[in-house]
Amino acid sequence: MAEEDGPSRRARDLAILLPVLGTVLLVPPLVGLFARGDARIVGVPLVVLYLFGLWLALIVGALLLTRRLGGTAPDAAE
């Protein structure tokens, strides 16, 4: 089989999976699991830590995938 010049198939699959995973992890029933009770870590409600932690993880995941995929945007001027 010929070698591809572009990103690997696994990286492309992960690029498709990342937003799907983020959407699934943000559905209200799942977020509600962290909102129940009065659980706090260092005075911060657990649901807040979950949401911001997930947000940060999705951003870092997108950054790493963009670098792996060779994320250069096409020039709009050309």
PDB file of N, CA and C in Angstrom:
ATOM      1  N   MET A   1       0.832  -1.176   0.000  1.00  0.00           N
ATOM      2  CA  MET A   1       0.000   0.000   0.000  1.00  0.00           C
ATOM      3  C   MET A   1       0.886   1.252   0.000  1.00  0.00           C
ATOM      4  N   ALA A   2       0.481   2.285  -0.712  1.00  0.00           N
ATOM      5  CA  ALA A   2       1.273   3.502  -0.826  1.00  0.00           C
ATOM      6  C   ALA A   2       1.193   4.326   0.453  1.00  0.00           C
ATOM      7  N   GLU A   3       2.290   4.992   0.769  1.00  0.00           N
ATOM      8  CA  GLU A   3       2.358   5.858   1.945  1.00  0.00           C
ATOM      9  C   GLU A   3       1.649   7.178   1.670  1.00  0.00           C
ATOM     10  N   GLU A   4       0.839   7.630   2.629  1.00  0.00           N
ATOM     11  CA  GLU A   4       0.117   8.902   2.487  1.00  0.00           C
ATOM     12  C   GLU A   4       1.021  10.061   2.861  1.00  0.00           C
ATOM     13  N   ASP A   5       0.831  11.206   2.205  1.00  0.00           N
ATOM     14  CA  ASP A   5       1.553  12.411   2.580  1.00  0.00           C
ATOM     15  C   ASP A   5       0.836  13.167   3.688  1.00  0.00           C
ATOM     16  N   GLY A   6      -0.483  13.037   3.754  1.00  0.00           N
ATOM     17  CA  GLY A   6      -1.286  13.779   4.710  1.00  0.00           C
ATOM     18  C   GLY A   6      -1.298  13.138   6.088  1.00  0.00           C
ATOM     19  N   PRO A   7      -2.213  13.592   6.916  1.00  0.00           N
ATOM     20  CA  PRO A   7      -2.313  13.063   8.277  1.00  0.00           C
ATOM     21  C   PRO A   7      -2.760  11.605   8.277  1.00  0.00           C
ATOM     22  N   SER A   8      -2.437  10.926   9.363  1.00  0.00           N
ATOM     23  CA  SER A   8      -2.799   9.515   9.460  1.00  0.00           C
ATOM     24  C   SER A   8      -4.307   9.351   9.617  1.00  0.00           C
ATOM     25  N   ARG A   9      -4.766   8.191   9.291  1.00  0.00           N
ATOM     26  CA  ARG A   9      -6.199   7.891   9.402  1.00  0.00           C
ATOM     27  C   ARG A   9      -6.651   7.994  10.854  1.00  0.00           C
ATOM     28  N   ARG A  10      -5.810   7.568  11.764  1.00  0.00           N
ATOM     29  CA  ARG A  10      -6.155   7.632  13.187  1.00  0.00           C
ATOM     30  C   ARG A  10      -6.343   9.077  13.643  1.00  0.00           C
ATOM     31  N   ALA A  11      -5.481   9.980  13.200  1.00  0.00           N
ATOM     32  CA  ALA A  11      -5.606  11.386  13.569  1.00  0.00           C
ATOM     33  C   ALA A  11      -6.894  11.981  13.010  1.00  0.00           C
ATOM     34  N   ARG A  12      -7.235  11.616  11.779  1.00  0.00           N
ATOM     35  CA  ARG A  12      -8.494  12.114  11.200  1.00  0.00           C
ATOM     36  C   ARG A  12      -9.693  11.569  11.955  1.00  0.00           C
ATOM     37  N   ASP A  13      -9.638  10.309  12.352  1.00  0.00           N
ATOM     38  CA  ASP A  13     -10.729   9.721  13.128  1.00  0.00           C
ATOM     39  C   ASP A  13     -10.872  10.401  14.484  1.00  0.00           C
ATOM     40  N   LEU A  14      -9.744  10.710  15.109  1.00  0.00           N
ATOM     41  CA  LEU A  14      -9.794  11.421  16.394  1.00  0.00           C
ATOM     42  C   LEU A  14     -10.360  12.829  16.229  1.00  0.00           C
ATOM     43  N   ALA A  15     -10.073  13.458  15.095  1.00  0.00           N
ATOM     44  CA  ALA A  15     -10.611  14.796  14.838  1.00  0.00           C
ATOM     45  C   ALA A  15     -12.126  14.764  14.688  1.00  0.00           C
ATOM     46  N   ILE A  16     -12.657  13.665  14.206  1.00  0.00           N
ATOM     47  CA  ILE A  16     -14.109  13.514  14.116  1.00  0.00           C
ATOM     48  C   ILE A  16     -14.689  13.159  15.483  1.00  0.00           C
ATOM     49  N   LEU A  17     -13.979  12.342  16.237  1.00  0.00           N
ATOM     50  CA  LEU A  17     -14.470  11.866  17.520  1.00  0.00           C
ATOM     51  C   LEU A  17     -14.463  12.944  18.606  1.00  0.00           C
ATOM     52  N   LEU A  18     -13.524  13.871  18.567  1.00  0.00           N
ATOM     53  CA  LEU A  18     -13.392  14.870  19.633  1.00  0.00           C
ATOM     54  C   LEU A  18     -14.653  15.707  19.843  1.00  0.00           C
ATOM     55  N   PRO A  19     -15.244  16.321  18.825  1.00  0.00           N
ATOM     56  CA  PRO A  19     -16.469  17.087  19.079  1.00  0.00           C
ATOM     57  C   PRO A  19     -17.655  16.209  19.478  1.00  0.00           C
ATOM     58  N   VAL A  20     -17.693  14.988  18.977  1.00  0.00           N
ATOM     59  CA  VAL A  20     -18.775  14.069  19.364  1.00  0.00           C
ATOM     60  C   VAL A  20     -18.639  13.730  20.847  1.00  0.00           C
ATOM     61  N   LEU A  21     -17.433  13.426  21.280  1.00  0.00           N
ATOM     62  CA  LEU A  21     -17.181  13.128  22.682  1.00  0.00           C
ATOM     63  C   LEU A  21     -17.501  14.330  23.567  1.00  0.00           C
ATOM     64  N   GLY A  22     -17.103  15.518  23.127  1.00  0.00           N
ATOM     65  CA  GLY A  22     -17.411  16.730  23.879  1.00  0.00           C
ATOM     66  C   GLY A  22     -18.905  16.947  24.016  1.00  0.00           C
ATOM     67  N   THR A  23     -19.648  16.695  22.964  1.00  0.00           N
ATOM     68  CA  THR A  23     -21.105  16.849  23.003  1.00  0.00           C
ATOM     69  C   THR A  23     -21.731  15.857  23.969  1.00  0.00           C
ATOM     70  N   VAL A  24     -21.272  14.622  23.913  1.00  0.00           N
ATOM     71  CA  VAL A  24     -21.812  13.589  24.807  1.00  0.00           C
ATOM     72  C   VAL A  24     -21.504  13.927  26.269  1.00  0.00           C
ATOM     73  N   LEU A  25     -20.311  14.423  26.534  1.00  0.00           N
ATOM     74  CA  LEU A  25     -19.936  14.742  27.907  1.00  0.00           C
ATOM     75  C   LEU A  25     -20.625  16.001  28.438  1.00  0.00           C
ATOM     76  N   LEU A  26     -21.264  16.777  27.560  1.00  0.00           N
ATOM     77  CA  LEU A  26     -21.959  17.997  27.993  1.00  0.00           C
ATOM     78  C   LEU A  26     -23.481  17.860  28.019  1.00  0.00           C
ATOM     79  N   VAL A  27     -24.011  16.665  27.777  1.00  0.00           N
ATOM     80  CA  VAL A  27     -25.464  16.510  27.825  1.00  0.00           C
ATOM     81  C   VAL A  27     -25.936  16.714  29.269  1.00  0.00           C
ATOM     82  N   PRO A  28     -27.088  17.360  29.437  1.00  0.00           N
ATOM     83  CA  PRO A  28     -27.564  17.691  30.787  1.00  0.00           C
ATOM     84  C   PRO A  28     -27.646  16.520  31.773  1.00  0.00           C
ATOM     85  N   PRO A  29     -28.077  15.322  31.381  1.00  0.00           N
ATOM     86  CA  PRO A  29     -28.111  14.254  32.388  1.00  0.00           C
ATOM     87  C   PRO A  29     -26.733  13.919  32.965  1.00  0.00           C
ATOM     88  N   LEU A  30     -25.709  13.975  32.141  1.00  0.00           N
ATOM     89  CA  LEU A  30     -24.365  13.679  32.632  1.00  0.00           C
ATOM     90  C   LEU A  30     -23.828  14.821  33.491  1.00  0.00           C
ATOM     91  N   VAL A  31     -24.047  16.049  33.066  1.00  0.00           N
ATOM     92  CA  VAL A  31     -23.620  17.198  33.866  1.00  0.00           C
ATOM     93  C   VAL A  31     -24.375  17.207  35.191  1.00  0.00           C
ATOM     94  N   GLY A  32     -25.633  16.797  35.167  1.00  0.00           N
ATOM     95  CA  GLY A  32     -26.440  16.761  36.382  1.00  0.00           C
ATOM     96  C   GLY A  32     -25.880  15.829  37.443  1.00  0.00           C
ATOM     97  N   LEU A  33     -25.140  14.811  37.030  1.00  0.00           N
ATOM     98  CA  LEU A  33     -24.511  13.918  38.005  1.00  0.00           C
ATOM     99  C   LEU A  33     -23.523  14.668  38.887  1.00  0.00           C
ATOM    100  N   PHE A  34     -22.890  15.688  38.333  1.00  0.00           N
ATOM    101  CA  PHE A  34     -21.907  16.465  39.084  1.00  0.00           C
ATOM    102  C   PHE A  34     -22.550  17.628  39.838  1.00  0.00           C
ATOM    103  N   ALA A  35     -23.782  17.966  39.488  1.00  0.00           N
ATOM    104  CA  ALA A  35     -24.468  19.099  40.107  1.00  0.00           C
ATOM    105  C   ALA A  35     -25.242  18.695  41.361  1.00  0.00           C
ATOM    106  N   ARG A  36     -25.408  17.419  41.581  1.00  0.00           N
ATOM    107  CA  ARG A  36     -26.177  16.950  42.740  1.00  0.00           C
ATOM    108  C   ARG A  36     -25.367  17.092  44.017  1.00  0.00           C
ATOM    109  N   GLY A  37     -26.088  17.346  45.078  1.00  0.00           N
ATOM    110  CA  GLY A  37     -25.432  17.430  46.368  1.00  0.00           C
ATOM    111  C   GLY A  37     -24.668  18.731  46.527  1.00  0.00           C
ATOM    112  N   ASP A  38     -23.926  18.780  47.577  1.00  0.00           N
ATOM    113  CA  ASP A  38     -23.168  19.995  47.879  1.00  0.00           C
ATOM    114  C   ASP A  38     -21.669  19.714  47.823  1.00  0.00           C
ATOM    115  N   ALA A  39     -21.265  18.876  46.862  1.00  0.00           N
ATOM    116  CA  ALA A  39     -19.857  18.495  46.745  1.00  0.00           C
ATOM    117  C   ALA A  39     -19.030  19.689  46.288  1.00  0.00           C
ATOM    118  N   ARG A  40     -17.973  19.935  47.018  1.00  0.00           N
ATOM    119  CA  ARG A  40     -17.068  21.048  46.693  1.00  0.00           C
ATOM    120  C   ARG A  40     -15.628  20.582  46.834  1.00  0.00           C
ATOM    121  N   ILE A  41     -14.777  21.139  45.990  1.00  0.00           N
ATOM    122  CA  ILE A  41     -13.337  20.909  46.086  1.00  0.00           C
ATOM    123  C   ILE A  41     -12.698  22.279  46.197  1.00  0.00           C
ATOM    124  N   VAL A  42     -12.025  22.509  47.283  1.00  0.00           N
ATOM    125  CA  VAL A  42     -11.399  23.788  47.599  1.00  0.00           C
ATOM    126  C   VAL A  42     -12.441  24.915  47.516  1.00  0.00           C
ATOM    127  N   GLY A  43     -13.652  24.644  47.923  1.00  0.00           N
ATOM    128  CA  GLY A  43     -14.703  25.650  47.949  1.00  0.00           C
ATOM    129  C   GLY A  43     -15.407  25.886  46.622  1.00  0.00           C
ATOM    130  N   VAL A  44     -14.994  25.188  45.572  1.00  0.00           N
ATOM    131  CA  VAL A  44     -15.597  25.360  44.248  1.00  0.00           C
ATOM    132  C   VAL A  44     -16.536  24.173  44.001  1.00  0.00           C
ATOM    133  N   PRO A  45     -17.780  24.452  43.582  1.00  0.00           N
ATOM    134  CA  PRO A  45     -18.705  23.344  43.312  1.00  0.00           C
ATOM    135  C   PRO A  45     -18.144  22.380  42.259  1.00  0.00           C
ATOM    136  N   LEU A  46     -18.431  21.107  42.459  1.00  0.00           N
ATOM    137  CA  LEU A  46     -17.908  20.063  41.577  1.00  0.00           C
ATOM    138  C   LEU A  46     -18.360  20.245  40.136  1.00  0.00           C
ATOM    139  N   VAL A  47     -19.583  20.707  39.926  1.00  0.00           N
ATOM    140  CA  VAL A  47     -20.089  20.893  38.558  1.00  0.00           C
ATOM    141  C   VAL A  47     -19.276  21.961  37.823  1.00  0.00           C
ATOM    142  N   VAL A  48     -18.852  22.990  38.526  1.00  0.00           N
ATOM    143  CA  VAL A  48     -18.043  24.046  37.898  1.00  0.00           C
ATOM    144  C   VAL A  48     -16.680  23.485  37.498  1.00  0.00           C
ATOM    145  N   LEU A  49     -16.080  22.707  38.371  1.00  0.00           N
ATOM    146  CA  LEU A  49     -14.792  22.090  38.039  1.00  0.00           C
ATOM    147  C   LEU A  49     -14.922  21.127  36.865  1.00  0.00           C
ATOM    148  N   TYR A  50     -16.018  20.377  36.816  1.00  0.00           N
ATOM    149  CA  TYR A  50     -16.248  19.454  35.705  1.00  0.00           C
ATOM    150  C   TYR A  50     -16.367  20.207  34.384  1.00  0.00           C
ATOM    151  N   LEU A  51     -17.202  21.244  34.366  1.00  0.00           N
ATOM    152  CA  LEU A  51     -17.436  21.977  33.115  1.00  0.00           C
ATOM    153  C   LEU A  51     -16.172  22.677  32.620  1.00  0.00           C
ATOM    154  N   PHE A  52     -15.470  23.370  33.520  1.00  0.00           N
ATOM    155  CA  PHE A  52     -14.264  24.068  33.081  1.00  0.00           C
ATOM    156  C   PHE A  52     -13.126  23.102  32.785  1.00  0.00           C
ATOM    157  N   GLY A  53     -13.050  21.995  33.513  1.00  0.00           N
ATOM    158  CA  GLY A  53     -12.039  20.977  33.222  1.00  0.00           C
ATOM    159  C   GLY A  53     -12.272  20.322  31.871  1.00  0.00           C
ATOM    160  N   LEU A  54     -13.529  20.016  31.580  1.00  0.00           N
ATOM    161  CA  LEU A  54     -13.875  19.445  30.278  1.00  0.00           C
ATOM    162  C   LEU A  54     -13.597  20.433  29.157  1.00  0.00           C
ATOM    163  N   TRP A  55     -13.956  21.673  29.370  1.00  0.00           N
ATOM    164  CA  TRP A  55     -13.706  22.728  28.391  1.00  0.00           C
ATOM    165  C   TRP A  55     -12.209  22.820  28.085  1.00  0.00           C
ATOM    166  N   LEU A  56     -11.398  22.843  29.138  1.00  0.00           N
ATOM    167  CA  LEU A  56      -9.949  22.916  28.959  1.00  0.00           C
ATOM    168  C   LEU A  56      -9.419  21.675  28.231  1.00  0.00           C
ATOM    169  N   ALA A  57      -9.917  20.500  28.596  1.00  0.00           N
ATOM    170  CA  ALA A  57      -9.464  19.265  27.952  1.00  0.00           C
ATOM    171  C   ALA A  57      -9.817  19.255  26.468  1.00  0.00           C
ATOM    172  N   LEU A  58     -11.003  19.747  26.114  1.00  0.00           N
ATOM    173  CA  LEU A  58     -11.386  19.802  24.695  1.00  0.00           C
ATOM    174  C   LEU A  58     -10.515  20.785  23.915  1.00  0.00           C
ATOM    175  N   ILE A  59     -10.185  21.906  24.514  1.00  0.00           N
ATOM    176  CA  ILE A  59      -9.319  22.886  23.846  1.00  0.00           C
ATOM    177  C   ILE A  59      -7.920  22.312  23.631  1.00  0.00           C
ATOM    178  N   VAL A  60      -7.366  21.682  24.665  1.00  0.00           N
ATOM    179  CA  VAL A  60      -6.029  21.089  24.536  1.00  0.00           C
ATOM    180  C   VAL A  60      -6.050  19.947  23.517  1.00  0.00           C
ATOM    181  N   GLY A  61      -7.098  19.130  23.546  1.00  0.00           N
ATOM    182  CA  GLY A  61      -7.220  18.054  22.567  1.00  0.00           C
ATOM    183  C   GLY A  61      -7.296  18.588  21.145  1.00  0.00           C
ATOM    184  N   ALA A  62      -8.058  19.656  20.940  1.00  0.00           N
ATOM    185  CA  ALA A  62      -8.160  20.265  19.609  1.00  0.00           C
ATOM    186  C   ALA A  62      -6.811  20.848  19.176  1.00  0.00           C
ATOM    187  N   LEU A  63      -6.094  21.452  20.099  1.00  0.00           N
ATOM    188  CA  LEU A  63      -4.777  22.005  19.783  1.00  0.00           C
ATOM    189  C   LEU A  63      -3.813  20.906  19.348  1.00  0.00           C
ATOM    190  N   LEU A  64      -3.780  19.810  20.106  1.00  0.00           N
ATOM    191  CA  LEU A  64      -2.875  18.710  19.764  1.00  0.00           C
ATOM    192  C   LEU A  64      -3.258  18.062  18.439  1.00  0.00           C
ATOM    193  N   LEU A  65      -4.553  17.899  18.211  1.00  0.00           N
ATOM    194  CA  LEU A  65      -4.989  17.317  16.941  1.00  0.00           C
ATOM    195  C   LEU A  65      -4.681  18.234  15.766  1.00  0.00           C
ATOM    196  N   THR A  66      -4.843  19.521  15.954  1.00  0.00           N
ATOM    197  CA  THR A  66      -4.541  20.476  14.884  1.00  0.00           C
ATOM    198  C   THR A  66      -3.070  20.401  14.499  1.00  0.00           C
ATOM    199  N   ARG A  67      -2.215  20.315  15.503  1.00  0.00           N
ATOM    200  CA  ARG A  67      -0.780  20.201  15.210  1.00  0.00           C
ATOM    201  C   ARG A  67      -0.465  18.884  14.513  1.00  0.00           C
ATOM    202  N   ARG A  68      -1.124  17.820  14.939  1.00  0.00           N
ATOM    203  CA  ARG A  68      -0.862  16.512  14.336  1.00  0.00           C
ATOM    204  C   ARG A  68      -1.381  16.435  12.903  1.00  0.00           C
ATOM    205  N   LEU A  69      -2.479  17.138  12.651  1.00  0.00           N
ATOM    206  CA  LEU A  69      -3.056  17.128  11.306  1.00  0.00           C
ATOM    207  C   LEU A  69      -2.370  18.131  10.382  1.00  0.00           C
ATOM    208  N   GLY A  70      -1.452  18.930  10.907  1.00  0.00           N
ATOM    209  CA  GLY A  70      -0.801  19.927  10.073  1.00  0.00           C
ATOM    210  C   GLY A  70      -1.734  21.075   9.768  1.00  0.00           C
ATOM    211  N   GLY A  71      -2.357  21.588  10.810  1.00  0.00           N
ATOM    212  CA  GLY A  71      -3.449  22.559  10.678  1.00  0.00           C
ATOM    213  C   GLY A  71      -3.063  23.913  10.139  1.00  0.00           C
ATOM    214  N   THR A  72      -2.705  23.987   8.891  1.00  0.00           N
ATOM    215  CA  THR A  72      -2.482  25.281   8.263  1.00  0.00           C
ATOM    216  C   THR A  72      -3.720  25.632   7.461  1.00  0.00           C
ATOM    217  N   ALA A  73      -4.245  26.801   7.710  1.00  0.00           N
ATOM    218  CA  ALA A  73      -5.432  27.255   7.003  1.00  0.00           C
ATOM    219  C   ALA A  73      -5.046  27.708   5.602  1.00  0.00           C
ATOM    220  N   PRO A  74      -5.884  27.445   4.621  1.00  0.00           N
ATOM    221  CA  PRO A  74      -5.579  27.920   3.268  1.00  0.00           C
ATOM    222  C   PRO A  74      -5.647  29.447   3.211  1.00  0.00           C
ATOM    223  N   ASP A  75      -4.788  30.015   2.391  1.00  0.00           N
ATOM    224  CA  ASP A  75      -4.761  31.484   2.246  1.00  0.00           C
ATOM    225  C   ASP A  75      -6.000  31.953   1.522  1.00  0.00           C
ATOM    226  N   ALA A  76      -6.716  32.907   2.115  1.00  0.00           N
ATOM    227  CA  ALA A  76      -7.918  33.445   1.492  1.00  0.00           C
ATOM    228  C   ALA A  76      -7.579  34.423   0.363  1.00  0.00           C
ATOM    229  N   ALA A  77      -6.364  34.999   0.407  1.00  0.00           N
ATOM    230  CA  ALA A  77      -5.967  35.991  -0.594  1.00  0.00           C
ATOM    231  C   ALA A  77      -5.629  35.342  -1.938  1.00  0.00           C
ATOM    232  N   GLU A  78      -5.220  34.105  -1.915  1.00  0.00           N
ATOM    233  CA  GLU A  78      -4.801  33.460  -3.170  1.00  0.00           C
ATOM    234  C   GLU A  78      -5.931  32.812  -3.885  1.00  0.00           C
TER     235      GLU A  78
END
